[in-house]
C-alpha atoms as a PDB file:
ATOM      1  CA  MET A   1     -12.649   0.635 -40.342  1.00  0.00           C
ATOM      2  CA  THR A   2     -14.485  -1.470 -42.931  1.00  0.00           C
ATOM      3  CA  ASP A   3     -13.883  -4.988 -41.586  1.00  0.00           C
ATOM      4  CA  PRO A   4     -17.125  -5.870 -39.717  1.00  0.00           C
ATOM      5  CA  ARG A   5     -15.258  -7.950 -37.148  1.00  0.00           C
ATOM      6  CA  TYR A   6     -13.010  -5.080 -36.110  1.00  0.00           C
ATOM      7  CA  LYS A   7     -15.941  -2.683 -36.203  1.00  0.00           C
ATOM      8  CA  ALA A   8     -17.876  -4.967 -33.834  1.00  0.00           C
ATOM      9  CA  ILE A   9     -14.942  -5.068 -31.414  1.00  0.00           C
ATOM     10  CA  PHE A  10     -14.572  -1.284 -31.673  1.00  0.00           C
ATOM     11  CA  ASP A  11     -18.249  -0.616 -31.057  1.00  0.00           C
ATOM     12  CA  ARG A  12     -18.733  -3.145 -28.259  1.00  0.00           C
ATOM     13  CA  SER A  13     -15.548  -2.611 -26.291  1.00  0.00           C
ATOM     14  CA  PRO A  14     -16.181  -2.050 -22.553  1.00  0.00           C
ATOM     15  CA  ASP A  15     -13.461   0.634 -22.654  1.00  0.00           C
ATOM     16  CA  GLY A  16     -13.590   3.909 -24.500  1.00  0.00           C
ATOM     17  CA  ILE A  17     -11.577   3.940 -27.735  1.00  0.00           C
ATOM     18  CA  LEU A  18     -10.446   7.107 -29.504  1.00  0.00           C
ATOM     19  CA  LEU A  19      -8.675   7.289 -32.873  1.00  0.00           C
ATOM     20  CA  VAL A  20      -6.592  10.462 -32.829  1.00  0.00           C
ATOM     21  CA  ASP A  21      -4.629  11.910 -35.748  1.00  0.00           C
ATOM     22  CA  GLY A  22      -1.165  13.440 -35.605  1.00  0.00           C
ATOM     23  CA  ASP A  23      -2.570  16.896 -34.877  1.00  0.00           C
ATOM     24  CA  GLY A  24      -4.469  15.679 -31.822  1.00  0.00           C
ATOM     25  CA  VAL A  25      -7.888  15.706 -33.492  1.00  0.00           C
ATOM     26  CA  ILE A  26     -10.251  12.824 -32.739  1.00  0.00           C
ATOM     27  CA  GLN A  27     -11.261  11.029 -35.926  1.00  0.00           C
ATOM     28  CA  GLN A  28     -13.443   8.303 -34.460  1.00  0.00           C
ATOM     29  CA  ALA A  29     -14.825   7.364 -31.034  1.00  0.00           C
ATOM     30  CA  ASN A  30     -16.703   4.250 -30.004  1.00  0.00           C
ATOM     31  CA  ALA A  31     -19.999   4.157 -28.125  1.00  0.00           C
ATOM     32  CA  ARG A  32     -18.344   3.651 -24.734  1.00  0.00           C
ATOM     33  CA  ALA A  33     -16.147   6.737 -25.234  1.00  0.00           C
ATOM     34  CA  LEU A  34     -19.183   8.832 -26.152  1.00  0.00           C
ATOM     35  CA  GLU A  35     -21.013   7.599 -23.058  1.00  0.00           C
ATOM     36  CA  MET A  36     -17.995   8.047 -20.795  1.00  0.00           C
ATOM     37  CA  PHE A  37     -17.331  11.626 -21.832  1.00  0.00           C
ATOM     38  CA  GLY A  38     -20.991  12.592 -22.227  1.00  0.00           C
ATOM     39  CA  TYR A  39     -20.882  13.342 -25.938  1.00  0.00           C
ATOM     40  CA  ALA A  40     -23.516  10.773 -26.952  1.00  0.00           C
ATOM     41  CA  GLU A  41     -25.501  13.188 -29.082  1.00  0.00           C
ATOM     42  CA  ALA A  42     -22.919  15.673 -30.363  1.00  0.00           C
ATOM     43  CA  GLY A  43     -20.208  13.088 -31.040  1.00  0.00           C
ATOM     44  CA  LEU A  44     -16.451  13.480 -30.673  1.00  0.00           C
ATOM     45  CA  ALA A  45     -15.228  13.416 -34.285  1.00  0.00           C
ATOM     46  CA  GLY A  46     -13.360  16.622 -35.048  1.00  0.00           C
ATOM     47  CA  VAL A  47     -12.857  17.510 -31.367  1.00  0.00           C
ATOM     48  CA  ARG A  48      -9.284  18.083 -30.192  1.00  0.00           C
ATOM     49  CA  VAL A  49      -8.261  15.482 -27.653  1.00  0.00           C
ATOM     50  CA  GLU A  50      -7.182  18.242 -25.242  1.00  0.00           C
ATOM     51  CA  ALA A  51     -10.886  19.068 -24.797  1.00  0.00           C
ATOM     52  CA  LEU A  52     -11.134  15.835 -22.772  1.00  0.00           C
ATOM     53  CA  ILE A  53      -8.345  16.879 -20.419  1.00  0.00           C
ATOM     54  CA  PRO A  54      -8.662  19.242 -17.413  1.00  0.00           C
ATOM     55  CA  ARG A  55      -7.628  22.773 -18.370  1.00  0.00           C
ATOM     56  CA  GLU A  56      -4.589  22.931 -16.086  1.00  0.00           C
ATOM     57  CA  ALA A  57      -3.073  19.828 -17.755  1.00  0.00           C
ATOM     58  CA  ARG A  58      -3.697  20.728 -21.405  1.00  0.00           C
ATOM     59  CA  ALA A  59      -0.469  22.601 -22.134  1.00  0.00           C
ATOM     60  CA  ALA A  60       1.635  19.758 -20.724  1.00  0.00           C
ATOM     61  CA  HIS A  61      -0.392  17.228 -22.676  1.00  0.00           C
ATOM     62  CA  VAL A  62       0.339  18.955 -25.994  1.00  0.00           C
ATOM     63  CA  GLY A  63       4.065  18.520 -25.372  1.00  0.00           C
ATOM     64  CA  GLN A  64       3.600  14.909 -24.301  1.00  0.00           C
ATOM     65  CA  ARG A  65       1.545  14.172 -27.420  1.00  0.00           C
ATOM     66  CA  GLU A  66       4.204  15.687 -29.676  1.00  0.00           C
ATOM     67  CA  ASN A  67       6.914  13.627 -27.935  1.00  0.00           C
ATOM     68  CA  TYR A  68       4.843  10.492 -28.443  1.00  0.00           C
ATOM     69  CA  GLN A  69       4.472  11.227 -32.166  1.00  0.00           C
ATOM     70  CA  ARG A  70       8.272  11.286 -32.489  1.00  0.00           C
ATOM     71  CA  GLY A  71       8.569   7.783 -31.045  1.00  0.00           C
ATOM     72  CA  PRO A  72       5.167   6.060 -31.041  1.00  0.00           C
ATOM     73  CA  ALA A  73       4.899   2.705 -29.291  1.00  0.00           C
ATOM     74  CA  VAL A  74       2.373   0.589 -27.451  1.00  0.00           C
ATOM     75  CA  ARG A  75       2.457   1.710 -23.837  1.00  0.00           C
ATOM     76  CA  PRO A  76       0.355   2.864 -20.889  1.00  0.00           C
ATOM     77  CA  MET A  77       0.166   6.615 -20.445  1.00  0.00           C
ATOM     78  CA  GLY A  78       1.231   8.435 -17.293  1.00  0.00           C
ATOM     79  CA  ILE A  79       2.865   5.515 -15.480  1.00  0.00           C
ATOM     80  CA  GLY A  80       2.770   6.176 -11.722  1.00  0.00           C
ATOM     81  CA  LEU A  81       0.491   9.205 -12.127  1.00  0.00           C
ATOM     82  CA  GLU A  82      -3.173   9.735 -11.400  1.00  0.00           C
ATOM     83  CA  LEU A  83      -4.707  10.681 -14.753  1.00  0.00           C
ATOM     84  CA  ARG A  84      -7.948  12.619 -14.866  1.00  0.00           C
ATOM     85  CA  ALA A  85     -10.337  13.209 -17.755  1.00  0.00           C
ATOM     86  CA  LEU A  86     -12.931  15.910 -18.321  1.00  0.00           C
ATOM     87  CA  GLY A  87     -16.507  15.156 -19.319  1.00  0.00           C
ATOM     88  CA  ALA A  88     -18.844  17.349 -21.364  1.00  0.00           C
ATOM     89  CA  ASP A  89     -20.578  18.302 -18.109  1.00  0.00           C
ATOM     90  CA  GLY A  90     -17.344  19.808 -16.771  1.00  0.00           C
ATOM     91  CA  LEU A  91     -16.812  17.092 -14.158  1.00  0.00           C
ATOM     92  CA  GLU A  92     -13.469  15.308 -13.828  1.00  0.00           C
ATOM     93  CA  PHE A  93     -13.030  11.571 -13.284  1.00  0.00           C
ATOM     94  CA  PRO A  94     -10.012   9.241 -12.881  1.00  0.00           C
ATOM     95  CA  VAL A  95      -8.931   7.184 -15.901  1.00  0.00           C
ATOM     96  CA  GLU A  96      -6.306   4.765 -17.149  1.00  0.00           C
ATOM     97  CA  VAL A  97      -5.083   5.344 -20.696  1.00  0.00           C
ATOM     98  CA  SER A  98      -3.134   3.081 -23.050  1.00  0.00           C
ATOM     99  CA  LEU A  99      -1.712   4.250 -26.374  1.00  0.00           C
ATOM    100  CA  ALA A 100      -0.900   2.383 -29.583  1.00  0.00           C
ATOM    101  CA  PRO A 101       0.162   3.685 -33.016  1.00  0.00           C
ATOM    102  CA  VAL A 102      -1.830   2.625 -36.114  1.00  0.00           C
ATOM    103  CA  GLU A 103      -1.858   3.532 -39.778  1.00  0.00           C
ATOM    104  CA  GLY A 104      -4.885   5.628 -40.660  1.00  0.00           C
ATOM    105  CA  GLU A 105      -6.513   6.453 -43.934  1.00  0.00           C
ATOM    106  CA  GLY A 106      -4.130   7.289 -46.772  1.00  0.00           C
ATOM    107  CA  GLY A 107      -1.104   6.122 -44.771  1.00  0.00           C
ATOM    108  CA  ALA A 108      -1.582   8.761 -42.081  1.00  0.00           C
ATOM    109  CA  ARG A 109      -0.242   7.954 -38.621  1.00  0.00           C
ATOM    110  CA  TRP A 110      -2.939   7.775 -35.971  1.00  0.00           C
ATOM    111  CA  THR A 111      -2.952   6.867 -32.309  1.00  0.00           C
ATOM    112  CA  VAL A 112      -5.426   4.521 -30.660  1.00  0.00           C
ATOM    113  CA  ALA A 113      -6.154   5.718 -27.132  1.00  0.00           C
ATOM    114  CA  THR A 114      -7.946   3.179 -24.938  1.00  0.00           C
ATOM    115  CA  VAL A 115      -9.554   4.906 -21.971  1.00  0.00           C
ATOM    116  CA  ARG A 116     -10.890   3.155 -18.879  1.00  0.00           C
ATOM    117  CA  ASP A 117     -13.005   4.924 -16.263  1.00  0.00           C
ATOM    118  CA  VAL A 118     -11.641   3.775 -12.882  1.00  0.00           C
ATOM    119  CA  SER A 119     -14.039   5.772 -10.707  1.00  0.00           C
ATOM    120  CA  ALA A 120     -15.588   2.641  -9.166  1.00  0.00           C
ATOM    121  CA  ARG A 121     -12.185   1.126  -8.460  1.00  0.00           C
ATOM    122  CA  ARG A 122     -10.992   4.379  -6.922  1.00  0.00           C
ATOM    123  CA  ARG A 123     -14.055   4.507  -4.667  1.00  0.00           C
ATOM    124  CA  LEU A 124     -13.274   0.990  -3.456  1.00  0.00           C
ATOM    125  CA  GLN A 125      -9.639   1.962  -2.897  1.00  0.00           C
ATOM    126  CA  ASP A 126     -10.698   5.068  -1.012  1.00  0.00           C
ATOM    127  CA  PHE A 127     -13.065   2.985   1.123  1.00  0.00           C
ATOM    128  CA  SER A 128     -10.291   0.492   1.847  1.00  0.00           C
ATOM    129  CA  ALA A 129      -7.860   3.318   2.595  1.00  0.00           C
ATOM    130  CA  GLY A 130     -10.423   4.888   4.907  1.00  0.00           C
ATOM    131  CA  ALA A 131     -10.875   1.614   6.773  1.00  0.00           C
ATOM    132  CA  LEU A 132      -7.116   1.239   7.183  1.00  0.00           C
ATOM    133  CA  ARG A 133      -6.793   4.864   8.321  1.00  0.00           C
ATOM    134  CA  ALA A 134      -9.514   4.253  10.902  1.00  0.00           C
ATOM    135  CA  SER A 135      -7.724   1.089  12.002  1.00  0.00           C
ATOM    136  CA  GLU A 136      -4.420   2.933  12.445  1.00  0.00           C
ATOM    137  CA  ASP A 137      -6.123   5.759  14.324  1.00  0.00           C
ATOM    138  CA  GLU A 138      -7.784   3.241  16.641  1.00  0.00           C
ATOM    139  CA  ARG A 139      -4.460   1.455  17.155  1.00  0.00           C
ATOM    140  CA  ALA A 140      -2.857   4.768  18.105  1.00  0.00           C
ATOM    141  CA  ARG A 141      -5.690   5.626  20.509  1.00  0.00           C
ATOM    142  CA  ILE A 142      -5.568   2.236  22.250  1.00  0.00           C
ATOM    143  CA  ALA A 143      -1.755   2.376  22.437  1.00  0.00           C
ATOM    144  CA  ARG A 144      -1.916   5.790  24.118  1.00  0.00           C
ATOM    145  CA  GLU A 145      -4.526   4.602  26.615  1.00  0.00           C
ATOM    146  CA  LEU A 146      -2.565   1.458  27.431  1.00  0.00           C
ATOM    147  CA  HIS A 147       0.662   3.392  27.884  1.00  0.00           C
ATOM    148  CA  ASP A 148      -0.629   6.537  29.564  1.00  0.00           C
ATOM    149  CA  ASP A 149      -3.417   5.030  31.658  1.00  0.00           C
ATOM    150  CA  THR A 150      -3.283   1.265  32.161  1.00  0.00           C
ATOM    151  CA  ALA A 151       0.509   0.938  32.414  1.00  0.00           C
ATOM    152  CA  GLN A 152       0.710   3.945  34.758  1.00  0.00           C
ATOM    153  CA  ARG A 153      -2.035   2.540  36.999  1.00  0.00           C
ATOM    154  CA  LEU A 154      -0.183  -0.779  37.222  1.00  0.00           C
ATOM    155  CA  ALA A 155       3.019   1.060  38.093  1.00  0.00           C
ATOM    156  CA  THR A 156       1.172   2.868  40.892  1.00  0.00           C
ATOM    157  CA  VAL A 157      -0.197  -0.455  42.197  1.00  0.00           C
ATOM    158  CA  LEU A 158       3.348  -1.873  42.205  1.00  0.00           C
ATOM    159  CA  VAL A 159       4.645   1.014  44.304  1.00  0.00           C
ATOM    160  CA  ARG A 160       1.788   0.759  46.798  1.00  0.00           C
ATOM    161  CA  LEU A 161       2.213  -3.028  47.036  1.00  0.00           C
ATOM    162  CA  ARG A 162       5.932  -2.628  47.703  1.00  0.00           C
ATOM    163  CA  LEU A 163       5.200  -0.130  50.485  1.00  0.00           C
ATOM    164  CA  LEU A 164       2.596  -2.471  51.934  1.00  0.00           C
ATOM    165  CA  ALA A 165       4.961  -5.453  51.820  1.00  0.00           C
ATOM    166  CA  ASP A 166       7.530  -3.484  53.824  1.00  0.00           C
ATOM    167  CA  LYS A 167       4.989  -3.215  56.684  1.00  0.00           C
ATOM    168  CA  VAL A 168       4.084  -6.932  56.688  1.00  0.00           C
ATOM    169  CA  ALA A 169       5.878  -8.962  59.323  1.00  0.00           C
ATOM    170  CA  ASP A 170       4.646 -12.446  58.442  1.00  0.00           C
ATOM    171  CA  PRO A 171       7.166 -14.172  56.093  1.00  0.00           C
ATOM    172  CA  ASP A 172       4.461 -16.054  54.189  1.00  0.00           C
ATOM    173  CA  ALA A 173       2.495 -12.879  53.617  1.00  0.00           C
ATOM    174  CA  ARG A 174       5.649 -11.093  52.424  1.00  0.00           C
ATOM    175  CA  ALA A 175       6.353 -13.947  50.017  1.00  0.00           C
ATOM    176  CA  ALA A 176       2.773 -13.752  48.723  1.00  0.00           C
ATOM    177  CA  CYS A 177       3.186 -10.006  48.197  1.00  0.00           C
ATOM    178  CA  ALA A 178       6.379 -10.636  46.248  1.00  0.00           C
ATOM    179  CA  GLU A 179       4.603 -13.141  43.984  1.00  0.00           C
ATOM    180  CA  ILE A 180       1.765 -10.719  43.369  1.00  0.00           C
ATOM    181  CA  ARG A 181       4.241  -7.938  42.700  1.00  0.00           C
ATOM    182  CA  ASP A 182       6.075 -10.071  40.126  1.00  0.00           C
ATOM    183  CA  ALA A 183       2.793 -10.984  38.449  1.00  0.00           C
ATOM    184  CA  ILE A 184       1.747  -7.330  38.211  1.00  0.00           C
ATOM    185  CA  ALA A 185       5.200  -6.384  36.859  1.00  0.00           C
ATOM    186  CA  ASP A 186       4.865  -9.062  34.159  1.00  0.00           C
ATOM    187  CA  THR A 187       1.390  -7.761  33.324  1.00  0.00           C
ATOM    188  CA  ALA A 188       2.667  -4.189  33.097  1.00  0.00           C
ATOM    189  CA  GLU A 189       5.443  -5.270  30.753  1.00  0.00           C
ATOM    190  CA  GLY A 190       2.881  -7.154  28.648  1.00  0.00           C
ATOM    191  CA  VAL A 191       0.738  -4.024  28.434  1.00  0.00           C
ATOM    192  CA  ARG A 192       3.730  -1.958  27.328  1.00  0.00           C
ATOM    193  CA  ARG A 193       4.639  -4.610  24.743  1.00  0.00           C
ATOM    194  CA  ILE A 194       1.097  -4.574  23.352  1.00  0.00           C
ATOM    195  CA  ALA A 195       1.142  -0.777  23.203  1.00  0.00           C
ATOM    196  CA  ARG A 196       4.455  -0.788  21.323  1.00  0.00           C
ATOM    197  CA  GLY A 197       3.079  -3.344  18.864  1.00  0.00           C
ATOM    198  CA  LEU A 198      -0.021  -1.262  18.223  1.00  0.00           C
ATOM    199  CA  ARG A 199       1.927   1.935  17.586  1.00  0.00           C
ATOM    200  CA  PRO A 200       5.699   1.874  18.139  1.00  0.00           C
ATOM    201  CA  PRO A 201       6.733   5.155  19.775  1.00  0.00           C
ATOM    202  CA  GLU A 202      10.176   4.918  18.119  1.00  0.00           C
ATOM    203  CA  LEU A 203       8.597   5.331  14.688  1.00  0.00           C
ATOM    204  CA  GLN A 204       7.639   8.948  15.233  1.00  0.00           C
ATOM    205  CA  ASP A 205      10.284   9.812  17.800  1.00  0.00           C
ATOM    206  CA  ALA A 206      13.396   8.254  16.215  1.00  0.00           C
ATOM    207  CA  GLY A 207      12.423   7.050  12.732  1.00  0.00           C
ATOM    208  CA  LEU A 208      11.800   3.819  10.857  1.00  0.00           C
ATOM    209  CA  GLY A 209      15.252   2.341  11.386  1.00  0.00           C
ATOM    210  CA  SER A 210      15.026   2.619  15.162  1.00  0.00           C
ATOM    211  CA  ALA A 211      11.491   1.184  15.177  1.00  0.00           C
ATOM    212  CA  LEU A 212      12.487  -1.840  13.063  1.00  0.00           C
ATOM    213  CA  ARG A 213      15.618  -2.545  15.109  1.00  0.00           C
ATOM    214  CA  SER A 214      13.610  -2.327  18.334  1.00  0.00           C
ATOM    215  CA  HIS A 215      10.940  -4.690  16.983  1.00  0.00           C
ATOM    216  CA  VAL A 216      13.525  -7.211  15.798  1.00  0.00           C
ATOM    217  CA  ARG A 217      15.296  -7.077  19.162  1.00  0.00           C
ATOM    218  CA  ARG A 218      12.046  -7.821  21.019  1.00  0.00           C
ATOM    219  CA  LEU A 219      11.251 -10.776  18.742  1.00  0.00           C
ATOM    220  CA  GLU A 220      14.706 -12.270  19.279  1.00  0.00           C
ATOM    221  CA  GLU A 221      14.344 -11.828  23.047  1.00  0.00           C
ATOM    222  CA  ASP A 222      10.943 -13.565  23.060  1.00  0.00           C
ATOM    223  CA  GLY A 223      11.992 -16.716  21.210  1.00  0.00           C
ATOM    224  CA  PRO A 224      14.697 -18.695  19.417  1.00  0.00           C
ATOM    225  CA  LEU A 225      14.609 -16.722  16.171  1.00  0.00           C
ATOM    226  CA  ASP A 226      17.725 -15.377  14.468  1.00  0.00           C
ATOM    227  CA  ILE A 227      16.846 -12.259  12.445  1.00  0.00           C
ATOM    228  CA  ASP A 228      19.423 -10.882  10.021  1.00  0.00           C
ATOM    229  CA  LEU A 229      18.359  -7.238   9.609  1.00  0.00           C
ATOM    230  CA  GLU A 230      19.978  -4.913   7.080  1.00  0.00           C
ATOM    231  CA  LEU A 231      18.769  -1.340   6.586  1.00  0.00           C
ATOM    232  CA  THR A 232      19.962   0.944   3.791  1.00  0.00           C
ATOM    233  CA  ALA A 233      19.296   4.693   3.709  1.00  0.00           C
ATOM    234  CA  VAL A 234      15.957   4.351   5.529  1.00  0.00           C
ATOM    235  CA  ASP A 235      16.539   7.781   7.064  1.00  0.00           C
ATOM    236  CA  ARG A 236      15.537   9.159   3.647  1.00  0.00           C
ATOM    237  CA  ILE A 237      11.935   8.119   4.436  1.00  0.00           C
ATOM    238  CA  GLN A 238      10.592  11.344   5.901  1.00  0.00           C
ATOM    239  CA  ASP A 239       6.896  10.710   5.283  1.00  0.00           C
ATOM    240  CA  LEU A 240       5.320   9.137   8.383  1.00  0.00           C
ATOM    241  CA  ASP A 241       2.697   7.230   6.363  1.00  0.00           C
ATOM    242  CA  THR A 242       5.354   5.596   4.173  1.00  0.00           C
ATOM    243  CA  ALA A 243       7.409   4.708   7.251  1.00  0.00           C
ATOM    244  CA  LEU A 244       4.339   3.327   9.022  1.00  0.00           C
ATOM    245  CA  ILE A 245       3.254   1.136   6.102  1.00  0.00           C
ATOM    246  CA  THR A 246       6.829  -0.129   5.646  1.00  0.00           C
ATOM    247  CA  TYR A 247       6.914  -0.996   9.344  1.00  0.00           C
ATOM    248  CA  ARG A 248       3.514  -2.741   9.194  1.00  0.00           C
ATOM    249  CA  ILE A 249       4.525  -4.899   6.209  1.00  0.00           C
ATOM    250  CA  VAL A 250       7.726  -6.016   7.944  1.00  0.00           C
ATOM    251  CA  GLN A 251       5.873  -6.483  11.246  1.00  0.00           C
ATOM    252  CA  GLU A 252       3.180  -8.675   9.661  1.00  0.00           C
ATOM    253  CA  SER A 253       5.751 -10.663   7.692  1.00  0.00           C
ATOM    254  CA  LEU A 254       7.754 -11.411  10.832  1.00  0.00           C
ATOM    255  CA  SER A 255       4.561 -12.216  12.737  1.00  0.00           C
ATOM    256  CA  ASN A 256       3.744 -14.839  10.094  1.00  0.00           C
ATOM    257  CA  VAL A 257       7.250 -16.281  10.481  1.00  0.00           C
ATOM    258  CA  VAL A 258       6.802 -16.598  14.245  1.00  0.00           C
ATOM    259  CA  ARG A 259       3.275 -18.058  14.062  1.00  0.00           C
ATOM    260  CA  HIS A 260       3.432 -20.296  11.020  1.00  0.00           C
ATOM    261  CA  SER A 261       6.808 -20.898   9.401  1.00  0.00           C
ATOM    262  CA  ARG A 262       8.785 -22.664  12.182  1.00  0.00           C
ATOM    263  CA  SER A 263      11.882 -21.134  10.622  1.00  0.00           C
ATOM    264  CA  PRO A 264      14.972 -20.704  12.851  1.00  0.00           C
ATOM    265  CA  ARG A 265      16.273 -17.819  10.757  1.00  0.00           C
ATOM    266  CA  VAL A 266      14.824 -14.960   8.757  1.00  0.00           C
ATOM    267  CA  ARG A 267      16.492 -12.395   6.513  1.00  0.00           C
ATOM    268  CA  VAL A 268      15.131  -8.839   6.438  1.00  0.00           C
ATOM    269  CA  ARG A 269      16.323  -6.191   3.989  1.00  0.00           C
ATOM    270  CA  VAL A 270      14.786  -2.718   3.812  1.00  0.00           C
ATOM    271  CA  GLY A 271      16.303   0.152   1.886  1.00  0.00           C
ATOM    272  CA  VAL A 272      15.710   3.178  -0.275  1.00  0.00           C
ATOM    273  CA  HIS A 273      16.960   2.806  -3.841  1.00  0.00           C
ATOM    274  CA  GLU A 274      16.523   5.882  -6.038  1.00  0.00           C
ATOM    275  CA  GLN A 275      12.864   6.852  -5.477  1.00  0.00           C
ATOM    276  CA  GLU A 276      11.618   3.519  -4.083  1.00  0.00           C
ATOM    277  CA  VAL A 277      11.430   1.841  -0.725  1.00  0.00           C
ATOM    278  CA  GLN A 278      12.298  -1.804  -1.356  1.00  0.00           C
ATOM    279  CA  GLY A 279      12.047  -4.632   1.129  1.00  0.00           C
ATOM    280  CA  VAL A 280      12.488  -8.401   1.424  1.00  0.00           C
ATOM    281  CA  VAL A 281      11.547 -10.709   4.309  1.00  0.00           C
ATOM    282  CA  GLN A 282      12.749 -14.254   3.618  1.00  0.00           C
ATOM    283  CA  ASP A 283      12.467 -17.274   5.911  1.00  0.00           C
ATOM    284  CA  GLU A 284      13.529 -20.933   5.735  1.00  0.00           C
ATOM    285  CA  GLY A 285      10.311 -22.395   7.086  1.00  0.00           C
ATOM    286  CA  VAL A 286       7.590 -24.804   6.022  1.00  0.00           C
ATOM    287  CA  GLY A 287       6.114 -22.547   3.331  1.00  0.00           C
ATOM    288  CA  PHE A 288       2.573 -22.773   1.992  1.00  0.00           C
ATOM    289  CA  ARG A 289       0.518 -22.778  -1.193  1.00  0.00           C
ATOM    290  CA  THR A 290      -0.219 -19.100  -1.726  1.00  0.00           C
ATOM    291  CA  GLU A 291      -3.222 -19.377  -4.065  1.00  0.00           C
ATOM    292  CA  HIS A 292      -4.859 -22.241  -2.119  1.00  0.00           C
ATOM    293  CA  ASP A 293      -4.537 -20.513   1.257  1.00  0.00           C
ATOM    294  CA  LEU A 294      -5.834 -17.169   0.010  1.00  0.00           C
ATOM    295  CA  VAL A 295      -8.823 -18.773  -1.725  1.00  0.00           C
ATOM    296  CA  HIS A 296      -9.733 -20.719   1.434  1.00  0.00           C
ATOM    297  CA  GLY A 297      -9.720 -17.692   3.703  1.00  0.00           C
ATOM    298  CA  ARG A 298      -6.211 -17.899   5.096  1.00  0.00           C
ATOM    299  CA  GLY A 299      -3.509 -15.333   4.617  1.00  0.00           C
ATOM    300  CA  LEU A 300      -5.626 -12.333   5.587  1.00  0.00           C
ATOM    301  CA  GLY A 301      -2.464 -10.686   6.877  1.00  0.00           C
ATOM    302  CA  LEU A 302      -0.965 -10.980   3.392  1.00  0.00           C
ATOM    303  CA  ILE A 303      -4.037  -9.309   1.922  1.00  0.00           C
ATOM    304  CA  GLY A 304      -3.708  -6.539   4.506  1.00  0.00           C
ATOM    305  CA  MET A 305      -0.099  -5.955   3.461  1.00  0.00           C
ATOM    306  CA  GLN A 306      -1.134  -5.691  -0.176  1.00  0.00           C
ATOM    307  CA  GLU A 307      -3.914  -3.248   0.700  1.00  0.00           C
ATOM    308  CA  ARG A 308      -1.528  -1.045   2.647  1.00  0.00           C
ATOM    309  CA  ALA A 309       0.999  -0.993  -0.191  1.00  0.00           C
ATOM    310  CA  THR A 310      -1.731  -0.133  -2.713  1.00  0.00           C
ATOM    311  CA  MET A 311      -2.643   2.927  -0.649  1.00  0.00           C
ATOM    312  CA  LEU A 312       0.769   4.384  -1.561  1.00  0.00           C
ATOM    313  CA  GLY A 313       0.778   3.131  -5.134  1.00  0.00           C
ATOM    314  CA  GLY A 314       3.127   0.269  -4.224  1.00  0.00           C
ATOM    315  CA  ARG A 315       3.045  -3.513  -4.457  1.00  0.00           C
ATOM    316  CA  VAL A 316       3.660  -6.630  -2.363  1.00  0.00           C
ATOM    317  CA  TRP A 317       4.664 -10.019  -3.774  1.00  0.00           C
ATOM    318  CA  VAL A 318       4.538 -13.280  -1.808  1.00  0.00           C
ATOM    319  CA  GLU A 319       6.509 -16.290  -3.048  1.00  0.00           C
ATOM    320  CA  SER A 320       6.133 -19.607  -1.229  1.00  0.00           C
ATOM    321  CA  CYS A 321       5.963 -23.352  -1.736  1.00  0.00           C
ATOM    322  CA  PRO A 322       5.461 -26.105   0.855  1.00  0.00           C
ATOM    323  CA  GLY A 323       8.825 -26.999   2.351  1.00  0.00           C
ATOM    324  CA  GLU A 324      10.695 -24.187   0.617  1.00  0.00           C
ATOM    325  CA  GLY A 325      10.130 -21.203   2.887  1.00  0.00           C
ATOM    326  CA  THR A 326       8.416 -17.897   2.144  1.00  0.00           C
ATOM    327  CA  THR A 327       9.661 -14.639   0.646  1.00  0.00           C
ATOM    328  CA  VAL A 328       7.738 -11.374   0.928  1.00  0.00           C
ATOM    329  CA  ARG A 329       8.909  -8.570  -1.360  1.00  0.00           C
ATOM    330  CA  PHE A 330       7.517  -5.069  -1.441  1.00  0.00           C
ATOM    331  CA  ARG A 331       8.093  -1.794  -3.234  1.00  0.00           C
ATOM    332  CA  LEU A 332       6.683   1.574  -2.248  1.00  0.00           C
ATOM    333  CA  PRO A 333       7.242   4.933  -3.925  1.00  0.00           C
ATOM    334  CA  LEU A 334       9.315   7.277  -1.791  1.00  0.00           C
ATOM    335  CA  GLU A 335       7.082  10.108  -2.939  1.00  0.00           C
ATOM    336  CA  ARG A 336       3.465   9.062  -2.654  1.00  0.00           C
ATOM    337  CA  ALA A 337       1.555   8.667  -5.918  1.00  0.00           C
ATOM    338  CA  ARG A 338      -1.753   8.287  -4.054  1.00  0.00           C
ATOM    339  CA  VAL A 339      -3.321   9.255  -0.778  1.00  0.00           C
ATOM    340  CA  GLY A 340      -1.429   7.602   2.049  1.00  0.00           C
ATOM    341  CA  ALA A 341      -2.396   6.165   5.385  1.00  0.00           C
ATOM    342  CA  HIS A 342      -3.442   9.488   6.867  1.00  0.00           C
ATOM    343  CA  GLY A 343      -4.648  11.401   3.837  1.00  0.00           C
END
């Protein structure tokens, strides 16, 4: 590396850079790589790259490296996996790695490995995941209290009021009791509806499909909204966290339709395709400017959906323009790549 411009980029890169030969021996390492792995004094030249990998993953890595040498190309390493590196102090840390083939000295084939320490990002993700876990736990607690305590107390009051009304002779007083009884019944139903929204009992008792159909049915009963729901193989989702996050994304998307879009119809598709949960919620409403609204503090529900999907290693896309409706798409791995909603 004699060109001073390339040497400056190599030395000053914020990511660690390793030049590795075909036998897996590190030929050069930049300052960030030395700092990252804790080899600032001893250096990394001449060290086998497997020394930077946790012991239990080394044998597999040798095979992966040999496969890469047979068909080298620019690509990220370990797509969908959590990669971990090993420092000189014996401590592991999470990394992202990208690979690219280059021609080394004398025409030898080398590999450039760009390594990024994502410990800080992972801590933020873990903090966010912890906050969402706490939120879901609190939702579940409140839902149980509303259902098991508040709703039951209201039901008891209704029974006692009915018994009392049967003993009242005055017609006006009986009519007043009936009005009060109807008001309490409406309140009890509202409490049950809130409890179901916080934590749908169908989700754990009967599965995601039942929970989504029940939610859609309640929305259609509450207002003039036509929801075209199509579910495909959702019974394959056995993990409760994946089912819960899928439900929350659809729930929030439909809530936005009801509150903001003024759309008479909405199309919902949720299904399992190979090893992914894929979903689409598409309305015909007023739409919005996605970047503008997010920058100015709106669309917090959309951010929440994205955070939930990230917890599982998934993604959420929102497509919208004023006057052209809104489409929410999401993809979640069927088998979790990261810690889910409840660890």
